[in-house]
Amino acid sequence: METNEPSRKYTEAEIKEEDRRIRHLRRLVDFSFAFIAQSPMSPGEARRVVQGVRQQAMTLFPGKEETFELVYAPRFRRLIAEKFRLL
């Protein structure tokens, strides 16, 4: 997909900040995934954990809801379905 907008050059500080936010989100997702898998909780509690991760992701990356839904939501849905035998 082509755009007519000139490409923007990002500063080293902007790139480092983006990398920091990505690492933070990955740790949060990994921790939440393990927490859901290993903790005794109800399906509703597991969904609330996922909702909290989603909200944090939107705070870190405003306007990227669709990306979260494409990348992380299917993993969480699969985990919850397997853990609670909702298949």
PDB file of N, CA and C in Angstrom:
ATOM      1  N   MET A   1       0.846  -1.185   0.000  1.00  0.00           N
ATOM      2  CA  MET A   1       0.000   0.000   0.000  1.00  0.00           C
ATOM      3  C   MET A   1       0.882   1.235   0.000  1.00  0.00           C
ATOM      4  N   GLU A   2       0.715   2.072  -0.967  1.00  0.00           N
ATOM      5  CA  GLU A   2       1.543   3.257  -1.076  1.00  0.00           C
ATOM      6  C   GLU A   2       0.825   4.464  -0.504  1.00  0.00           C
ATOM      7  N   THR A   3       1.622   5.338   0.095  1.00  0.00           N
ATOM      8  CA  THR A   3       1.087   6.610   0.568  1.00  0.00           C
ATOM      9  C   THR A   3       1.903   7.723  -0.055  1.00  0.00           C
ATOM     10  N   ASN A   4       1.317   8.877  -0.138  1.00  0.00           N
ATOM     11  CA  ASN A   4       2.005  10.031  -0.692  1.00  0.00           C
ATOM     12  C   ASN A   4       2.709  10.847   0.381  1.00  0.00           C
ATOM     13  N   GLU A   5       2.634  10.381   1.627  1.00  0.00           N
ATOM     14  CA  GLU A   5       3.272  11.102   2.717  1.00  0.00           C
ATOM     15  C   GLU A   5       4.769  10.819   2.706  1.00  0.00           C
ATOM     16  N   PRO A   6       5.572  11.843   3.009  1.00  0.00           N
ATOM     17  CA  PRO A   6       7.011  11.598   3.085  1.00  0.00           C
ATOM     18  C   PRO A   6       7.319  10.708   4.286  1.00  0.00           C
ATOM     19  N   SER A   7       8.328   9.845   4.146  1.00  0.00           N
ATOM     20  CA  SER A   7       8.676   8.969   5.266  1.00  0.00           C
ATOM     21  C   SER A   7       9.337   9.805   6.361  1.00  0.00           C
ATOM     22  N   ARG A   8       9.016   9.438   7.604  1.00  0.00           N
ATOM     23  CA  ARG A   8       9.514  10.192   8.750  1.00  0.00           C
ATOM     24  C   ARG A   8      10.732   9.488   9.305  1.00  0.00           C
ATOM     25  N   LYS A   9      11.723  10.239   9.672  1.00  0.00           N
ATOM     26  CA  LYS A   9      12.914   9.697  10.317  1.00  0.00           C
ATOM     27  C   LYS A   9      12.698   9.772  11.825  1.00  0.00           C
ATOM     28  N   TYR A  10      12.903   8.651  12.503  1.00  0.00           N
ATOM     29  CA  TYR A  10      12.725   8.598  13.946  1.00  0.00           C
ATOM     30  C   TYR A  10      14.060   8.808  14.637  1.00  0.00           C
ATOM     31  N   THR A  11      14.015   9.492  15.764  1.00  0.00           N
ATOM     32  CA  THR A  11      15.232   9.726  16.522  1.00  0.00           C
ATOM     33  C   THR A  11      15.620   8.460  17.274  1.00  0.00           C
ATOM     34  N   GLU A  12      16.859   8.397  17.683  1.00  0.00           N
ATOM     35  CA  GLU A  12      17.346   7.267  18.466  1.00  0.00           C
ATOM     36  C   GLU A  12      16.545   7.138  19.761  1.00  0.00           C
ATOM     37  N   ALA A  13      16.200   8.253  20.373  1.00  0.00           N
ATOM     38  CA  ALA A  13      15.412   8.232  21.614  1.00  0.00           C
ATOM     39  C   ALA A  13      14.020   7.659  21.371  1.00  0.00           C
ATOM     40  N   GLU A  14      13.400   8.018  20.257  1.00  0.00           N
ATOM     41  CA  GLU A  14      12.071   7.485  19.931  1.00  0.00           C
ATOM     42  C   GLU A  14      12.127   5.980  19.697  1.00  0.00           C
ATOM     43  N   ILE A  15      13.158   5.532  19.032  1.00  0.00           N
ATOM     44  CA  ILE A  15      13.316   4.100  18.770  1.00  0.00           C
ATOM     45  C   ILE A  15      13.539   3.348  20.076  1.00  0.00           C
ATOM     46  N   LYS A  16      14.374   3.877  20.940  1.00  0.00           N
ATOM     47  CA  LYS A  16      14.627   3.226  22.233  1.00  0.00           C
ATOM     48  C   LYS A  16      13.366   3.178  23.088  1.00  0.00           C
ATOM     49  N   GLU A  17      12.580   4.247  23.064  1.00  0.00           N
ATOM     50  CA  GLU A  17      11.336   4.279  23.838  1.00  0.00           C
ATOM     51  C   GLU A  17      10.341   3.247  23.303  1.00  0.00           C
ATOM     52  N   GLU A  18      10.239   3.144  21.999  1.00  0.00           N
ATOM     53  CA  GLU A  18       9.361   2.147  21.384  1.00  0.00           C
ATOM     54  C   GLU A  18       9.812   0.734  21.769  1.00  0.00           C
ATOM     55  N   ASP A  19      11.099   0.485  21.711  1.00  0.00           N
ATOM     56  CA  ASP A  19      11.636  -0.821  22.104  1.00  0.00           C
ATOM     57  C   ASP A  19      11.336  -1.123  23.571  1.00  0.00           C
ATOM     58  N   ARG A  20      11.454  -0.130  24.423  1.00  0.00           N
ATOM     59  CA  ARG A  20      11.169  -0.310  25.850  1.00  0.00           C
ATOM     60  C   ARG A  20       9.704  -0.694  26.054  1.00  0.00           C
ATOM     61  N   ARG A  21       8.798   0.008  25.359  1.00  0.00           N
ATOM     62  CA  ARG A  21       7.370  -0.297  25.493  1.00  0.00           C
ATOM     63  C   ARG A  21       7.043  -1.686  24.961  1.00  0.00           C
ATOM     64  N   ILE A  22       7.690  -2.082  23.877  1.00  0.00           N
ATOM     65  CA  ILE A  22       7.471  -3.424  23.322  1.00  0.00           C
ATOM     66  C   ILE A  22       7.937  -4.481  24.315  1.00  0.00           C
ATOM     67  N   ARG A  23       9.123  -4.299  24.881  1.00  0.00           N
ATOM     68  CA  ARG A  23       9.628  -5.271  25.870  1.00  0.00           C
ATOM     69  C   ARG A  23       8.704  -5.350  27.077  1.00  0.00           C
ATOM     70  N   HIS A  24       8.211  -4.215  27.529  1.00  0.00           N
ATOM     71  CA  HIS A  24       7.299  -4.189  28.670  1.00  0.00           C
ATOM     72  C   HIS A  24       6.017  -4.977  28.356  1.00  0.00           C
ATOM     73  N   LEU A  25       5.452  -4.746  27.184  1.00  0.00           N
ATOM     74  CA  LEU A  25       4.233  -5.459  26.801  1.00  0.00           C
ATOM     75  C   LEU A  25       4.493  -6.956  26.674  1.00  0.00           C
ATOM     76  N   ARG A  26       5.611  -7.334  26.102  1.00  0.00           N
ATOM     77  CA  ARG A  26       5.932  -8.765  25.977  1.00  0.00           C
ATOM     78  C   ARG A  26       6.035  -9.423  27.350  1.00  0.00           C
ATOM     79  N   ARG A  27       6.713  -8.759  28.288  1.00  0.00           N
ATOM     80  CA  ARG A  27       6.824  -9.320  29.642  1.00  0.00           C
ATOM     81  C   ARG A  27       5.456  -9.441  30.284  1.00  0.00           C
ATOM     82  N   LEU A  28       4.626  -8.426  30.114  1.00  0.00           N
ATOM     83  CA  LEU A  28       3.283  -8.448  30.679  1.00  0.00           C
ATOM     84  C   LEU A  28       2.463  -9.593  30.083  1.00  0.00           C
ATOM     85  N   VAL A  29       2.524  -9.769  28.781  1.00  0.00           N
ATOM     86  CA  VAL A  29       1.789 -10.848  28.120  1.00  0.00           C
ATOM     87  C   VAL A  29       2.312 -12.202  28.589  1.00  0.00           C
ATOM     88  N   ASP A  30       3.625 -12.369  28.604  1.00  0.00           N
ATOM     89  CA  ASP A  30       4.206 -13.647  29.034  1.00  0.00           C
ATOM     90  C   ASP A  30       3.829 -13.974  30.473  1.00  0.00           C
ATOM     91  N   PHE A  31       3.930 -12.978  31.355  1.00  0.00           N
ATOM     92  CA  PHE A  31       3.574 -13.199  32.759  1.00  0.00           C
ATOM     93  C   PHE A  31       2.092 -13.557  32.874  1.00  0.00           C
ATOM     94  N   SER A  32       1.239 -12.826  32.190  1.00  0.00           N
ATOM     95  CA  SER A  32      -0.204 -13.068  32.257  1.00  0.00           C
ATOM     96  C   SER A  32      -0.557 -14.438  31.707  1.00  0.00           C
ATOM     97  N   PHE A  33       0.108 -14.832  30.635  1.00  0.00           N
ATOM     98  CA  PHE A  33      -0.122 -16.142  30.042  1.00  0.00           C
ATOM     99  C   PHE A  33       0.212 -17.244  31.053  1.00  0.00           C
ATOM    100  N   ALA A  34       1.378 -17.121  31.692  1.00  0.00           N
ATOM    101  CA  ALA A  34       1.790 -18.104  32.701  1.00  0.00           C
ATOM    102  C   ALA A  34       0.861 -18.073  33.909  1.00  0.00           C
ATOM    103  N   PHE A  35       0.460 -16.889  34.320  1.00  0.00           N
ATOM    104  CA  PHE A  35      -0.423 -16.728  35.478  1.00  0.00           C
ATOM    105  C   PHE A  35      -1.758 -17.434  35.227  1.00  0.00           C
ATOM    106  N   ILE A  36      -2.332 -17.220  34.059  1.00  0.00           N
ATOM    107  CA  ILE A  36      -3.603 -17.872  33.724  1.00  0.00           C
ATOM    108  C   ILE A  36      -3.417 -19.393  33.664  1.00  0.00           C
ATOM    109  N   ALA A  37      -2.344 -19.832  33.036  1.00  0.00           N
ATOM    110  CA  ALA A  37      -2.122 -21.265  32.854  1.00  0.00           C
ATOM    111  C   ALA A  37      -1.893 -21.985  34.183  1.00  0.00           C
ATOM    112  N   GLN A  38      -1.232 -21.337  35.140  1.00  0.00           N
ATOM    113  CA  GLN A  38      -0.792 -22.015  36.350  1.00  0.00           C
ATOM    114  C   GLN A  38      -1.631 -21.735  37.589  1.00  0.00           C
ATOM    115  N   SER A  39      -2.493 -20.752  37.546  1.00  0.00           N
ATOM    116  CA  SER A  39      -3.256 -20.373  38.730  1.00  0.00           C
ATOM    117  C   SER A  39      -4.657 -20.971  38.709  1.00  0.00           C
ATOM    118  N   PRO A  40      -5.137 -21.355  39.889  1.00  0.00           N
ATOM    119  CA  PRO A  40      -6.539 -21.787  39.953  1.00  0.00           C
ATOM    120  C   PRO A  40      -7.442 -20.562  39.871  1.00  0.00           C
ATOM    121  N   MET A  41      -8.157 -20.438  38.796  1.00  0.00           N
ATOM    122  CA  MET A  41      -9.051 -19.291  38.609  1.00  0.00           C
ATOM    123  C   MET A  41     -10.203 -19.709  37.726  1.00  0.00           C
ATOM    124  N   SER A  42     -11.241 -18.909  37.747  1.00  0.00           N
ATOM    125  CA  SER A  42     -12.409 -19.178  36.914  1.00  0.00           C
ATOM    126  C   SER A  42     -12.172 -18.607  35.508  1.00  0.00           C
ATOM    127  N   PRO A  43     -12.970 -19.040  34.553  1.00  0.00           N
ATOM    128  CA  PRO A  43     -12.856 -18.447  33.216  1.00  0.00           C
ATOM    129  C   PRO A  43     -13.079 -16.932  33.230  1.00  0.00           C
ATOM    130  N   GLY A  44     -13.997 -16.470  34.059  1.00  0.00           N
ATOM    131  CA  GLY A  44     -14.249 -15.033  34.157  1.00  0.00           C
ATOM    132  C   GLY A  44     -13.042 -14.273  34.683  1.00  0.00           C
ATOM    133  N   GLU A  45     -12.358 -14.855  35.667  1.00  0.00           N
ATOM    134  CA  GLU A  45     -11.151 -14.216  36.189  1.00  0.00           C
ATOM    135  C   GLU A  45     -10.059 -14.172  35.123  1.00  0.00           C
ATOM    136  N   ALA A  46      -9.941 -15.249  34.361  1.00  0.00           N
ATOM    137  CA  ALA A  46      -8.951 -15.284  33.287  1.00  0.00           C
ATOM    138  C   ALA A  46      -9.260 -14.210  32.244  1.00  0.00           C
ATOM    139  N   ARG A  47     -10.513 -14.047  31.916  1.00  0.00           N
ATOM    140  CA  ARG A  47     -10.900 -13.013  30.943  1.00  0.00           C
ATOM    141  C   ARG A  47     -10.619 -11.611  31.480  1.00  0.00           C
ATOM    142  N   ARG A  48     -10.781 -11.432  32.788  1.00  0.00           N
ATOM    143  CA  ARG A  48     -10.462 -10.122  33.385  1.00  0.00           C
ATOM    144  C   ARG A  48      -8.960  -9.840  33.321  1.00  0.00           C
ATOM    145  N   VAL A  49      -8.147 -10.871  33.489  1.00  0.00           N
ATOM    146  CA  VAL A  49      -6.696 -10.700  33.336  1.00  0.00           C
ATOM    147  C   VAL A  49      -6.384 -10.251  31.911  1.00  0.00           C
ATOM    148  N   VAL A  50      -6.996 -10.911  30.934  1.00  0.00           N
ATOM    149  CA  VAL A  50      -6.775 -10.551  29.530  1.00  0.00           C
ATOM    150  C   VAL A  50      -7.238  -9.119  29.277  1.00  0.00           C
ATOM    151  N   GLN A  51      -8.357  -8.742  29.838  1.00  0.00           N
ATOM    152  CA  GLN A  51      -8.852  -7.373  29.658  1.00  0.00           C
ATOM    153  C   GLN A  51      -7.865  -6.361  30.240  1.00  0.00           C
ATOM    154  N   GLY A  52      -7.281  -6.684  31.377  1.00  0.00           N
ATOM    155  CA  GLY A  52      -6.267  -5.805  31.970  1.00  0.00           C
ATOM    156  C   GLY A  52      -5.043  -5.671  31.079  1.00  0.00           C
ATOM    157  N   VAL A  53      -4.620  -6.770  30.479  1.00  0.00           N
ATOM    158  CA  VAL A  53      -3.487  -6.728  29.553  1.00  0.00           C
ATOM    159  C   VAL A  53      -3.847  -5.874  28.344  1.00  0.00           C
ATOM    160  N   ARG A  54      -5.061  -6.055  27.829  1.00  0.00           N
ATOM    161  CA  ARG A  54      -5.522  -5.265  26.681  1.00  0.00           C
ATOM    162  C   ARG A  54      -5.511  -3.771  27.013  1.00  0.00           C
ATOM    163  N   GLN A  55      -6.014  -3.413  28.186  1.00  0.00           N
ATOM    164  CA  GLN A  55      -6.030  -2.003  28.582  1.00  0.00           C
ATOM    165  C   GLN A  55      -4.618  -1.440  28.704  1.00  0.00           C
ATOM    166  N   GLN A  56      -3.713  -2.219  29.273  1.00  0.00           N
ATOM    167  CA  GLN A  56      -2.326  -1.764  29.397  1.00  0.00           C
ATOM    168  C   GLN A  56      -1.690  -1.608  28.019  1.00  0.00           C
ATOM    169  N   ALA A  57      -1.986  -2.541  27.115  1.00  0.00           N
ATOM    170  CA  ALA A  57      -1.455  -2.443  25.753  1.00  0.00           C
ATOM    171  C   ALA A  57      -1.956  -1.168  25.067  1.00  0.00           C
ATOM    172  N   MET A  58      -3.218  -0.818  25.299  1.00  0.00           N
ATOM    173  CA  MET A  58      -3.769   0.392  24.690  1.00  0.00           C
ATOM    174  C   MET A  58      -3.151   1.648  25.299  1.00  0.00           C
ATOM    175  N   THR A  59      -2.756   1.569  26.557  1.00  0.00           N
ATOM    176  CA  THR A  59      -2.061   2.692  27.186  1.00  0.00           C
ATOM    177  C   THR A  59      -0.667   2.854  26.580  1.00  0.00           C
ATOM    178  N   LEU A  60       0.009   1.727  26.374  1.00  0.00           N
ATOM    179  CA  LEU A  60       1.353   1.773  25.802  1.00  0.00           C
ATOM    180  C   LEU A  60       1.346   2.126  24.321  1.00  0.00           C
ATOM    181  N   PHE A  61       0.321   1.639  23.602  1.00  0.00           N
ATOM    182  CA  PHE A  61       0.238   1.824  22.151  1.00  0.00           C
ATOM    183  C   PHE A  61      -1.162   2.283  21.759  1.00  0.00           C
ATOM    184  N   PRO A  62      -1.491   3.548  22.006  1.00  0.00           N
ATOM    185  CA  PRO A  62      -2.829   4.048  21.666  1.00  0.00           C
ATOM    186  C   PRO A  62      -3.137   3.863  20.177  1.00  0.00           C
ATOM    187  N   GLY A  63      -4.377   3.459  19.915  1.00  0.00           N
ATOM    188  CA  GLY A  63      -4.815   3.302  18.540  1.00  0.00           C
ATOM    189  C   GLY A  63      -4.411   1.987  17.892  1.00  0.00           C
ATOM    190  N   LYS A  64      -3.839   1.078  18.653  1.00  0.00           N
ATOM    191  CA  LYS A  64      -3.385  -0.194  18.091  1.00  0.00           C
ATOM    192  C   LYS A  64      -4.232  -1.364  18.566  1.00  0.00           C
ATOM    193  N   GLU A  65      -5.521  -1.125  18.792  1.00  0.00           N
ATOM    194  CA  GLU A  65      -6.420  -2.178  19.252  1.00  0.00           C
ATOM    195  C   GLU A  65      -6.452  -3.356  18.287  1.00  0.00           C
ATOM    196  N   GLU A  66      -6.492  -3.056  17.003  1.00  0.00           N
ATOM    197  CA  GLU A  66      -6.569  -4.108  15.994  1.00  0.00           C
ATOM    198  C   GLU A  66      -5.331  -5.001  16.033  1.00  0.00           C
ATOM    199  N   THR A  67      -4.178  -4.410  16.280  1.00  0.00           N
ATOM    200  CA  THR A  67      -2.946  -5.190  16.376  1.00  0.00           C
ATOM    201  C   THR A  67      -3.015  -6.146  17.558  1.00  0.00           C
ATOM    202  N   PHE A  68      -3.499  -5.673  18.707  1.00  0.00           N
ATOM    203  CA  PHE A  68      -3.645  -6.551  19.866  1.00  0.00           C
ATOM    204  C   PHE A  68      -4.577  -7.699  19.529  1.00  0.00           C
ATOM    205  N   GLU A  69      -5.684  -7.389  18.875  1.00  0.00           N
ATOM    206  CA  GLU A  69      -6.668  -8.419  18.532  1.00  0.00           C
ATOM    207  C   GLU A  69      -6.104  -9.444  17.552  1.00  0.00           C
ATOM    208  N   LEU A  70      -5.214  -9.030  16.684  1.00  0.00           N
ATOM    209  CA  LEU A  70      -4.615  -9.947  15.718  1.00  0.00           C
ATOM    210  C   LEU A  70      -3.479 -10.775  16.312  1.00  0.00           C
ATOM    211  N   VAL A  71      -2.699 -10.176  17.201  1.00  0.00           N
ATOM    212  CA  VAL A  71      -1.488 -10.829  17.691  1.00  0.00           C
ATOM    213  C   VAL A  71      -1.719 -11.586  18.995  1.00  0.00           C
ATOM    214  N   TYR A  72      -2.300 -10.929  19.987  1.00  0.00           N
ATOM    215  CA  TYR A  72      -2.369 -11.515  21.329  1.00  0.00           C
ATOM    216  C   TYR A  72      -3.704 -12.166  21.673  1.00  0.00           C
ATOM    217  N   ALA A  73      -4.800 -11.601  21.240  1.00  0.00           N
ATOM    218  CA  ALA A  73      -6.111 -12.127  21.617  1.00  0.00           C
ATOM    219  C   ALA A  73      -6.285 -13.607  21.242  1.00  0.00           C
ATOM    220  N   PRO A  74      -5.874 -14.041  20.043  1.00  0.00           N
ATOM    221  CA  PRO A  74      -6.036 -15.468  19.721  1.00  0.00           C
ATOM    222  C   PRO A  74      -5.247 -16.386  20.663  1.00  0.00           C
ATOM    223  N   ARG A  75      -4.066 -15.962  21.075  1.00  0.00           N
ATOM    224  CA  ARG A  75      -3.278 -16.771  22.011  1.00  0.00           C
ATOM    225  C   ARG A  75      -3.998 -16.907  23.343  1.00  0.00           C
ATOM    226  N   PHE A  76      -4.537 -15.801  23.837  1.00  0.00           N
ATOM    227  CA  PHE A  76      -5.259 -15.853  25.108  1.00  0.00           C
ATOM    228  C   PHE A  76      -6.531 -16.681  24.985  1.00  0.00           C
ATOM    229  N   ARG A  77      -7.265 -16.529  23.878  1.00  0.00           N
ATOM    230  CA  ARG A  77      -8.481 -17.323  23.686  1.00  0.00           C
ATOM    231  C   ARG A  77      -8.167 -18.820  23.665  1.00  0.00           C
ATOM    232  N   ARG A  78      -7.098 -19.178  22.970  1.00  0.00           N
ATOM    233  CA  ARG A  78      -6.694 -20.578  22.884  1.00  0.00           C
ATOM    234  C   ARG A  78      -6.304 -21.112  24.266  1.00  0.00           C
ATOM    235  N   LEU A  79      -5.547 -20.346  25.030  1.00  0.00           N
ATOM    236  CA  LEU A  79      -5.153 -20.756  26.378  1.00  0.00           C
ATOM    237  C   LEU A  79      -6.375 -20.970  27.261  1.00  0.00           C
ATOM    238  N   ILE A  80      -7.297 -20.023  27.258  1.00  0.00           N
ATOM    239  CA  ILE A  80      -8.493 -20.126  28.097  1.00  0.00           C
ATOM    240  C   ILE A  80      -9.341 -21.320  27.655  1.00  0.00           C
ATOM    241  N   ALA A  81      -9.482 -21.516  26.362  1.00  0.00           N
ATOM    242  CA  ALA A  81     -10.271 -22.658  25.866  1.00  0.00           C
ATOM    243  C   ALA A  81      -9.639 -23.983  26.290  1.00  0.00           C
ATOM    244  N   GLU A  82      -8.329 -24.080  26.207  1.00  0.00           N
ATOM    245  CA  GLU A  82      -7.655 -25.320  26.597  1.00  0.00           C
ATOM    246  C   GLU A  82      -7.706 -25.532  28.111  1.00  0.00           C
ATOM    247  N   LYS A  83      -7.443 -24.483  28.871  1.00  0.00           N
ATOM    248  CA  LYS A  83      -7.424 -24.631  30.334  1.00  0.00           C
ATOM    249  C   LYS A  83      -8.790 -25.037  30.883  1.00  0.00           C
ATOM    250  N   PHE A  84      -9.835 -24.442  30.364  1.00  0.00           N
ATOM    251  CA  PHE A  84     -11.161 -24.685  30.889  1.00  0.00           C
ATOM    252  C   PHE A  84     -11.965 -25.647  30.017  1.00  0.00           C
ATOM    253  N   ARG A  85     -11.296 -26.278  29.079  1.00  0.00           N
ATOM    254  CA  ARG A  85     -11.919 -27.264  28.186  1.00  0.00           C
ATOM    255  C   ARG A  85     -13.192 -26.709  27.529  1.00  0.00           C
ATOM    256  N   LEU A  86     -13.047 -25.547  26.954  1.00  0.00           N
ATOM    257  CA  LEU A  86     -14.178 -24.870  26.302  1.00  0.00           C
ATOM    258  C   LEU A  86     -14.194 -25.115  24.802  1.00  0.00           C
ATOM    259  N   LEU A  87     -13.466 -26.085  24.352  1.00  0.00           N
ATOM    260  CA  LEU A  87     -13.347 -26.341  22.904  1.00  0.00           C
ATOM    261  C   LEU A  87     -14.633 -26.866  22.316  1.00  0.00           C
TER     262      LEU A  87
END
